[in-house]
Structures are given as structure tokens and as C-alpha cells.
């Protein structure tokens, strides 16, 4: 599992690659919260290279979204593959979190 990041104006784009599950969710959450602690307020999670996400991974994204909202920011997801999108749909998380098809749309939502 790797978490690549890049800045696009005032938005931090995070690109997880691999899988987010109970064995690595705590470390990923710590990395993401460290970014918020450093002052990041707008984040796009580009999930195009995410192969699998478990309930532990969903929890990380929910905690991140809540923290960003508390800080006056926002989280937008993009690039969900069909299998990852299905997990979000079944869990009801697409009703809670904002998701777009492309990174460009996600960045536009945060502009």
C-alpha cells in the first residue's frame, strides 16, 4: 500500500495504491491526519489505483471527511473502480461522501 500525494492549487490530491484493510488502516489514517494537522483543508482522494477497501478503510475516509469538515474543509472522492464503487454503494457511503467520476470534477467541486 502506498499513498502518493500532489498539490493542485490549494487542494491535496491523495492517490492510494493497492488495498486499504484492517492491517494498514491505522497507519493510513495517521498519515492523512498528519496532512490535516499540517494545514491541509481540501482533499481529493483519487481511488483509481485502489484495488480493495474494507470496512476499516471506509472508516478512515469517514473520519477524514468529518475532520476536514470540522476544520472548514472538504473531502471529494474520484476514480472509483467498479468493484470499489460497489463497496461504497453497498455500505451507503456514497450517500454520505461526495464522489465524482474524474479528478477534474473533484477539483472543480473544491474550487
N, C-alpha and C. Protein backbone atom coordinates (compact mmCIF):
# COMPACT_ATOMS: atom_id res chain seq x y z
N UNK A 1 0.85 -1.19 0.00
CA UNK A 1 0.00 0.00 0.00
C UNK A 1 0.88 1.24 0.00
N UNK A 2 0.62 2.13 -0.92
CA UNK A 2 1.34 3.40 -0.92
C UNK A 2 0.35 4.55 -1.06
N UNK A 3 0.75 5.70 -0.51
CA UNK A 3 -0.07 6.91 -0.57
C UNK A 3 0.75 8.01 -1.24
N UNK A 4 0.56 8.20 -2.52
CA UNK A 4 1.23 9.29 -3.22
C UNK A 4 0.37 10.54 -3.06
N UNK A 5 1.02 11.70 -3.02
CA UNK A 5 0.28 12.96 -2.91
C UNK A 5 0.84 13.97 -3.89
N UNK A 6 -0.02 14.89 -4.30
CA UNK A 6 0.42 16.03 -5.10
C UNK A 6 -0.52 17.19 -4.82
N UNK A 7 0.01 18.41 -4.98
CA UNK A 7 -0.80 19.61 -4.74
C UNK A 7 -1.34 20.12 -6.06
N UNK A 8 -2.59 20.55 -6.05
CA UNK A 8 -3.21 21.21 -7.19
C UNK A 8 -3.87 22.46 -6.63
N UNK A 9 -3.20 23.59 -6.77
CA UNK A 9 -3.61 24.85 -6.14
C UNK A 9 -3.65 24.63 -4.63
N UNK A 10 -4.81 24.83 -3.99
CA UNK A 10 -4.89 24.64 -2.54
C UNK A 10 -5.50 23.29 -2.16
N UNK A 11 -5.52 22.35 -3.11
CA UNK A 11 -6.10 21.02 -2.86
C UNK A 11 -4.99 19.98 -2.82
N UNK A 12 -5.02 19.12 -1.81
CA UNK A 12 -4.08 18.00 -1.74
C UNK A 12 -4.77 16.79 -2.39
N UNK A 13 -4.14 16.26 -3.43
CA UNK A 13 -4.66 15.07 -4.09
C UNK A 13 -3.90 13.87 -3.54
N UNK A 14 -4.64 12.92 -2.97
CA UNK A 14 -4.04 11.72 -2.39
C UNK A 14 -4.41 10.54 -3.28
N UNK A 15 -3.40 9.75 -3.64
CA UNK A 15 -3.62 8.62 -4.55
C UNK A 15 -3.17 7.31 -3.90
N UNK A 16 -4.07 6.67 -3.17
CA UNK A 16 -3.71 5.38 -2.59
C UNK A 16 -3.60 4.32 -3.67
N UNK A 17 -2.61 3.43 -3.52
CA UNK A 17 -2.43 2.36 -4.48
C UNK A 17 -2.39 1.04 -3.71
N UNK A 18 -3.16 0.06 -4.18
CA UNK A 18 -3.18 -1.24 -3.52
C UNK A 18 -4.48 -1.46 -2.78
N UNK A 19 -4.35 -1.81 -1.49
CA UNK A 19 -5.52 -2.14 -0.69
C UNK A 19 -5.50 -1.39 0.64
N UNK A 20 -6.70 -1.03 1.10
CA UNK A 20 -6.84 -0.46 2.45
C UNK A 20 -7.69 -1.45 3.24
N UNK A 21 -7.09 -2.01 4.28
CA UNK A 21 -7.78 -3.02 5.10
C UNK A 21 -7.35 -2.88 6.55
N UNK A 22 -7.83 -3.75 7.41
CA UNK A 22 -7.59 -3.61 8.84
C UNK A 22 -6.11 -3.61 9.21
N UNK A 23 -5.27 -4.28 8.42
CA UNK A 23 -3.84 -4.35 8.75
C UNK A 23 -3.10 -3.03 8.52
N UNK A 24 -3.60 -2.19 7.59
CA UNK A 24 -2.88 -0.95 7.31
C UNK A 24 -3.71 0.32 7.53
N UNK A 25 -4.96 0.19 7.90
CA UNK A 25 -5.86 1.35 8.02
C UNK A 25 -5.37 2.35 9.07
N UNK A 26 -4.85 1.87 10.18
CA UNK A 26 -4.40 2.78 11.25
C UNK A 26 -3.26 3.66 10.77
N UNK A 27 -2.31 3.07 10.06
CA UNK A 27 -1.18 3.83 9.53
C UNK A 27 -1.62 4.85 8.49
N UNK A 28 -2.54 4.45 7.63
CA UNK A 28 -3.06 5.35 6.60
C UNK A 28 -3.80 6.51 7.25
N UNK A 29 -4.62 6.21 8.24
CA UNK A 29 -5.34 7.27 8.95
C UNK A 29 -4.35 8.26 9.58
N UNK A 30 -3.28 7.75 10.18
CA UNK A 30 -2.28 8.61 10.81
C UNK A 30 -1.63 9.53 9.76
N UNK A 31 -1.31 8.99 8.59
CA UNK A 31 -0.70 9.79 7.51
C UNK A 31 -1.65 10.90 7.05
N UNK A 32 -2.93 10.54 6.88
CA UNK A 32 -3.91 11.52 6.41
C UNK A 32 -4.16 12.59 7.46
N UNK A 33 -4.26 12.20 8.72
CA UNK A 33 -4.49 13.18 9.79
C UNK A 33 -3.28 14.10 9.95
N UNK A 34 -2.09 13.59 9.69
CA UNK A 34 -0.88 14.43 9.75
C UNK A 34 -0.97 15.53 8.70
N UNK A 35 -1.54 15.22 7.54
CA UNK A 35 -1.71 16.24 6.50
C UNK A 35 -2.68 17.33 6.97
N UNK A 36 -3.75 16.92 7.64
CA UNK A 36 -4.71 17.89 8.17
C UNK A 36 -4.04 18.73 9.26
N UNK A 37 -3.24 18.08 10.10
CA UNK A 37 -2.52 18.81 11.16
C UNK A 37 -1.56 19.84 10.57
N UNK A 38 -1.03 19.55 9.37
CA UNK A 38 -0.12 20.49 8.70
C UNK A 38 -0.85 21.64 8.03
N UNK A 39 -2.20 21.59 8.03
CA UNK A 39 -2.96 22.69 7.48
C UNK A 39 -3.75 22.38 6.22
N UNK A 40 -3.68 21.15 5.74
CA UNK A 40 -4.48 20.80 4.55
C UNK A 40 -5.96 20.82 4.92
N UNK A 41 -6.78 21.47 4.08
CA UNK A 41 -8.21 21.56 4.36
C UNK A 41 -9.06 20.99 3.24
N UNK A 42 -8.53 20.97 2.02
CA UNK A 42 -9.27 20.43 0.88
C UNK A 42 -8.48 19.25 0.34
N UNK A 43 -9.17 18.09 0.29
CA UNK A 43 -8.51 16.89 -0.21
C UNK A 43 -9.36 16.17 -1.24
N UNK A 44 -8.67 15.66 -2.25
CA UNK A 44 -9.28 14.76 -3.22
C UNK A 44 -8.61 13.41 -3.02
N UNK A 45 -9.41 12.37 -2.85
CA UNK A 45 -8.88 11.01 -2.80
C UNK A 45 -9.13 10.40 -4.17
N UNK A 46 -8.06 10.27 -4.95
CA UNK A 46 -8.15 9.66 -6.28
C UNK A 46 -7.96 8.16 -6.10
N UNK A 47 -9.06 7.43 -6.20
CA UNK A 47 -9.04 5.99 -5.89
C UNK A 47 -8.86 5.11 -7.13
N UNK A 48 -8.36 5.69 -8.22
CA UNK A 48 -8.21 4.94 -9.47
C UNK A 48 -7.31 3.72 -9.33
N UNK A 49 -6.31 3.80 -8.43
CA UNK A 49 -5.38 2.67 -8.27
C UNK A 49 -5.64 1.86 -7.01
N UNK A 50 -6.80 2.10 -6.39
CA UNK A 50 -7.18 1.32 -5.21
C UNK A 50 -7.87 0.05 -5.68
N UNK A 51 -7.32 -1.09 -5.27
CA UNK A 51 -7.87 -2.39 -5.70
C UNK A 51 -8.96 -2.89 -4.77
N UNK A 52 -8.86 -2.55 -3.48
CA UNK A 52 -9.77 -3.10 -2.47
C UNK A 52 -9.84 -2.15 -1.29
N UNK A 53 -11.02 -2.02 -0.70
CA UNK A 53 -11.18 -1.27 0.54
C UNK A 53 -12.11 -2.04 1.46
N UNK A 54 -11.69 -2.23 2.70
CA UNK A 54 -12.52 -2.94 3.68
C UNK A 54 -13.29 -1.93 4.52
N UNK A 55 -14.07 -2.43 5.46
CA UNK A 55 -14.82 -1.53 6.34
C UNK A 55 -13.87 -0.65 7.15
N UNK A 56 -12.69 -1.17 7.47
CA UNK A 56 -11.70 -0.36 8.19
C UNK A 56 -11.25 0.81 7.32
N UNK A 57 -11.10 0.57 6.03
CA UNK A 57 -10.72 1.64 5.11
C UNK A 57 -11.83 2.67 4.95
N UNK A 58 -13.07 2.19 4.90
CA UNK A 58 -14.21 3.11 4.82
C UNK A 58 -14.24 4.02 6.05
N UNK A 59 -13.96 3.44 7.20
CA UNK A 59 -13.95 4.22 8.44
C UNK A 59 -12.89 5.33 8.37
N UNK A 60 -11.71 5.01 7.83
CA UNK A 60 -10.65 6.01 7.69
C UNK A 60 -11.15 7.20 6.87
N UNK A 61 -11.81 6.92 5.75
CA UNK A 61 -12.31 8.00 4.89
C UNK A 61 -13.40 8.81 5.59
N UNK A 62 -14.25 8.14 6.35
CA UNK A 62 -15.30 8.84 7.08
C UNK A 62 -14.70 9.75 8.16
N UNK A 63 -13.72 9.24 8.90
CA UNK A 63 -13.05 10.03 9.94
C UNK A 63 -12.37 11.24 9.29
N UNK A 64 -11.71 11.02 8.15
CA UNK A 64 -11.04 12.11 7.44
C UNK A 64 -12.05 13.16 6.99
N UNK A 65 -13.15 12.73 6.40
CA UNK A 65 -14.16 13.67 5.92
C UNK A 65 -14.71 14.50 7.07
N UNK A 66 -14.98 13.86 8.21
CA UNK A 66 -15.52 14.59 9.37
C UNK A 66 -14.51 15.60 9.89
N UNK A 67 -13.25 15.18 9.97
CA UNK A 67 -12.20 16.08 10.48
C UNK A 67 -12.03 17.29 9.55
N UNK A 68 -12.01 17.05 8.24
CA UNK A 68 -11.87 18.15 7.29
C UNK A 68 -13.06 19.12 7.41
N UNK A 69 -14.25 18.55 7.56
CA UNK A 69 -15.45 19.40 7.69
C UNK A 69 -15.36 20.25 8.96
N UNK A 70 -14.90 19.65 10.07
CA UNK A 70 -14.73 20.40 11.32
C UNK A 70 -13.75 21.56 11.15
N UNK A 71 -12.76 21.37 10.28
CA UNK A 71 -11.72 22.38 10.06
C UNK A 71 -12.11 23.36 8.95
N UNK A 72 -13.35 23.24 8.44
CA UNK A 72 -13.80 24.14 7.40
C UNK A 72 -13.41 23.72 5.99
N UNK A 73 -13.01 22.49 5.85
CA UNK A 73 -12.59 21.97 4.54
C UNK A 73 -13.55 20.94 4.01
N UNK A 74 -13.06 20.12 3.07
CA UNK A 74 -13.92 19.10 2.46
C UNK A 74 -13.07 18.00 1.84
N UNK A 75 -13.71 16.84 1.66
CA UNK A 75 -13.11 15.68 1.00
C UNK A 75 -13.99 15.30 -0.18
N UNK A 76 -13.37 15.06 -1.34
CA UNK A 76 -14.08 14.57 -2.51
C UNK A 76 -13.34 13.34 -3.02
N UNK A 77 -14.09 12.29 -3.31
CA UNK A 77 -13.52 11.06 -3.85
C UNK A 77 -13.67 11.07 -5.37
N UNK A 78 -12.75 10.43 -6.07
CA UNK A 78 -12.89 10.29 -7.51
C UNK A 78 -12.20 9.01 -7.98
N UNK A 79 -12.51 8.62 -9.21
CA UNK A 79 -11.84 7.50 -9.84
C UNK A 79 -12.14 6.14 -9.25
N UNK A 80 -13.33 5.96 -8.71
CA UNK A 80 -13.68 4.67 -8.10
C UNK A 80 -13.85 3.60 -9.19
N UNK A 81 -13.11 2.51 -9.06
CA UNK A 81 -13.28 1.39 -9.98
C UNK A 81 -14.63 0.73 -9.69
N UNK A 82 -15.15 -0.06 -10.63
CA UNK A 82 -16.46 -0.69 -10.38
C UNK A 82 -16.52 -1.49 -9.08
N UNK A 83 -15.46 -2.26 -8.76
CA UNK A 83 -15.51 -3.08 -7.54
C UNK A 83 -15.42 -2.23 -6.28
N UNK A 84 -14.64 -1.15 -6.31
CA UNK A 84 -14.55 -0.26 -5.15
C UNK A 84 -15.85 0.53 -5.01
N UNK A 85 -16.40 0.99 -6.13
CA UNK A 85 -17.68 1.72 -6.10
C UNK A 85 -18.78 0.85 -5.48
N UNK A 86 -18.77 -0.44 -5.80
CA UNK A 86 -19.78 -1.35 -5.25
C UNK A 86 -19.71 -1.39 -3.73
N UNK A 87 -18.50 -1.40 -3.17
CA UNK A 87 -18.34 -1.40 -1.71
C UNK A 87 -18.94 -0.12 -1.11
N UNK A 88 -18.67 1.02 -1.77
CA UNK A 88 -19.22 2.29 -1.29
C UNK A 88 -20.74 2.31 -1.41
N UNK A 89 -21.29 1.75 -2.49
CA UNK A 89 -22.74 1.71 -2.68
C UNK A 89 -23.41 0.82 -1.64
N UNK A 90 -22.88 -0.38 -1.47
CA UNK A 90 -23.47 -1.34 -0.53
C UNK A 90 -23.45 -0.80 0.90
N UNK A 91 -22.37 -0.12 1.26
CA UNK A 91 -22.21 0.40 2.62
C UNK A 91 -23.03 1.68 2.85
N UNK A 92 -23.53 2.27 1.76
CA UNK A 92 -24.27 3.52 1.89
C UNK A 92 -23.38 4.75 1.97
N UNK A 93 -22.08 4.57 1.77
CA UNK A 93 -21.14 5.68 1.91
C UNK A 93 -21.25 6.69 0.77
N UNK A 94 -21.78 6.30 -0.38
CA UNK A 94 -21.94 7.26 -1.46
C UNK A 94 -23.01 8.30 -1.13
N UNK A 95 -23.89 7.97 -0.17
CA UNK A 95 -24.89 8.93 0.27
C UNK A 95 -24.29 9.92 1.27
N UNK A 96 -23.16 9.54 1.89
CA UNK A 96 -22.53 10.36 2.93
C UNK A 96 -21.39 11.19 2.36
N UNK A 97 -20.59 10.57 1.50
CA UNK A 97 -19.40 11.21 0.95
C UNK A 97 -19.65 11.68 -0.48
N UNK A 98 -18.91 12.70 -0.91
CA UNK A 98 -19.03 13.22 -2.26
C UNK A 98 -18.07 12.45 -3.16
N UNK A 99 -18.59 11.95 -4.28
CA UNK A 99 -17.75 11.21 -5.24
C UNK A 99 -18.03 11.71 -6.65
N UNK A 100 -16.97 11.83 -7.44
CA UNK A 100 -17.09 12.23 -8.83
C UNK A 100 -16.39 11.19 -9.70
N UNK A 101 -16.66 11.25 -10.99
CA UNK A 101 -16.05 10.28 -11.91
C UNK A 101 -14.58 10.58 -12.15
N UNK A 102 -14.25 11.87 -12.28
CA UNK A 102 -12.88 12.23 -12.64
C UNK A 102 -12.23 13.16 -11.61
N UNK A 103 -10.91 13.21 -11.67
CA UNK A 103 -10.17 14.11 -10.78
C UNK A 103 -10.52 15.56 -11.09
N UNK A 104 -10.68 15.88 -12.37
CA UNK A 104 -11.01 17.25 -12.77
C UNK A 104 -12.34 17.69 -12.12
N UNK A 105 -13.33 16.80 -12.13
CA UNK A 105 -14.62 17.13 -11.50
C UNK A 105 -14.46 17.31 -9.98
N UNK A 106 -13.64 16.46 -9.39
CA UNK A 106 -13.41 16.55 -7.95
C UNK A 106 -12.74 17.88 -7.59
N UNK A 107 -11.73 18.28 -8.36
CA UNK A 107 -11.05 19.54 -8.12
C UNK A 107 -12.01 20.72 -8.31
N UNK A 108 -12.88 20.62 -9.31
CA UNK A 108 -13.86 21.68 -9.56
C UNK A 108 -14.82 21.83 -8.39
N UNK A 109 -15.20 20.72 -7.73
CA UNK A 109 -16.10 20.78 -6.58
C UNK A 109 -15.45 21.53 -5.42
N UNK A 110 -14.13 21.48 -5.33
CA UNK A 110 -13.43 22.11 -4.22
C UNK A 110 -12.91 23.51 -4.55
N UNK A 111 -13.10 23.93 -5.81
CA UNK A 111 -12.59 25.25 -6.24
C UNK A 111 -13.34 26.39 -5.58
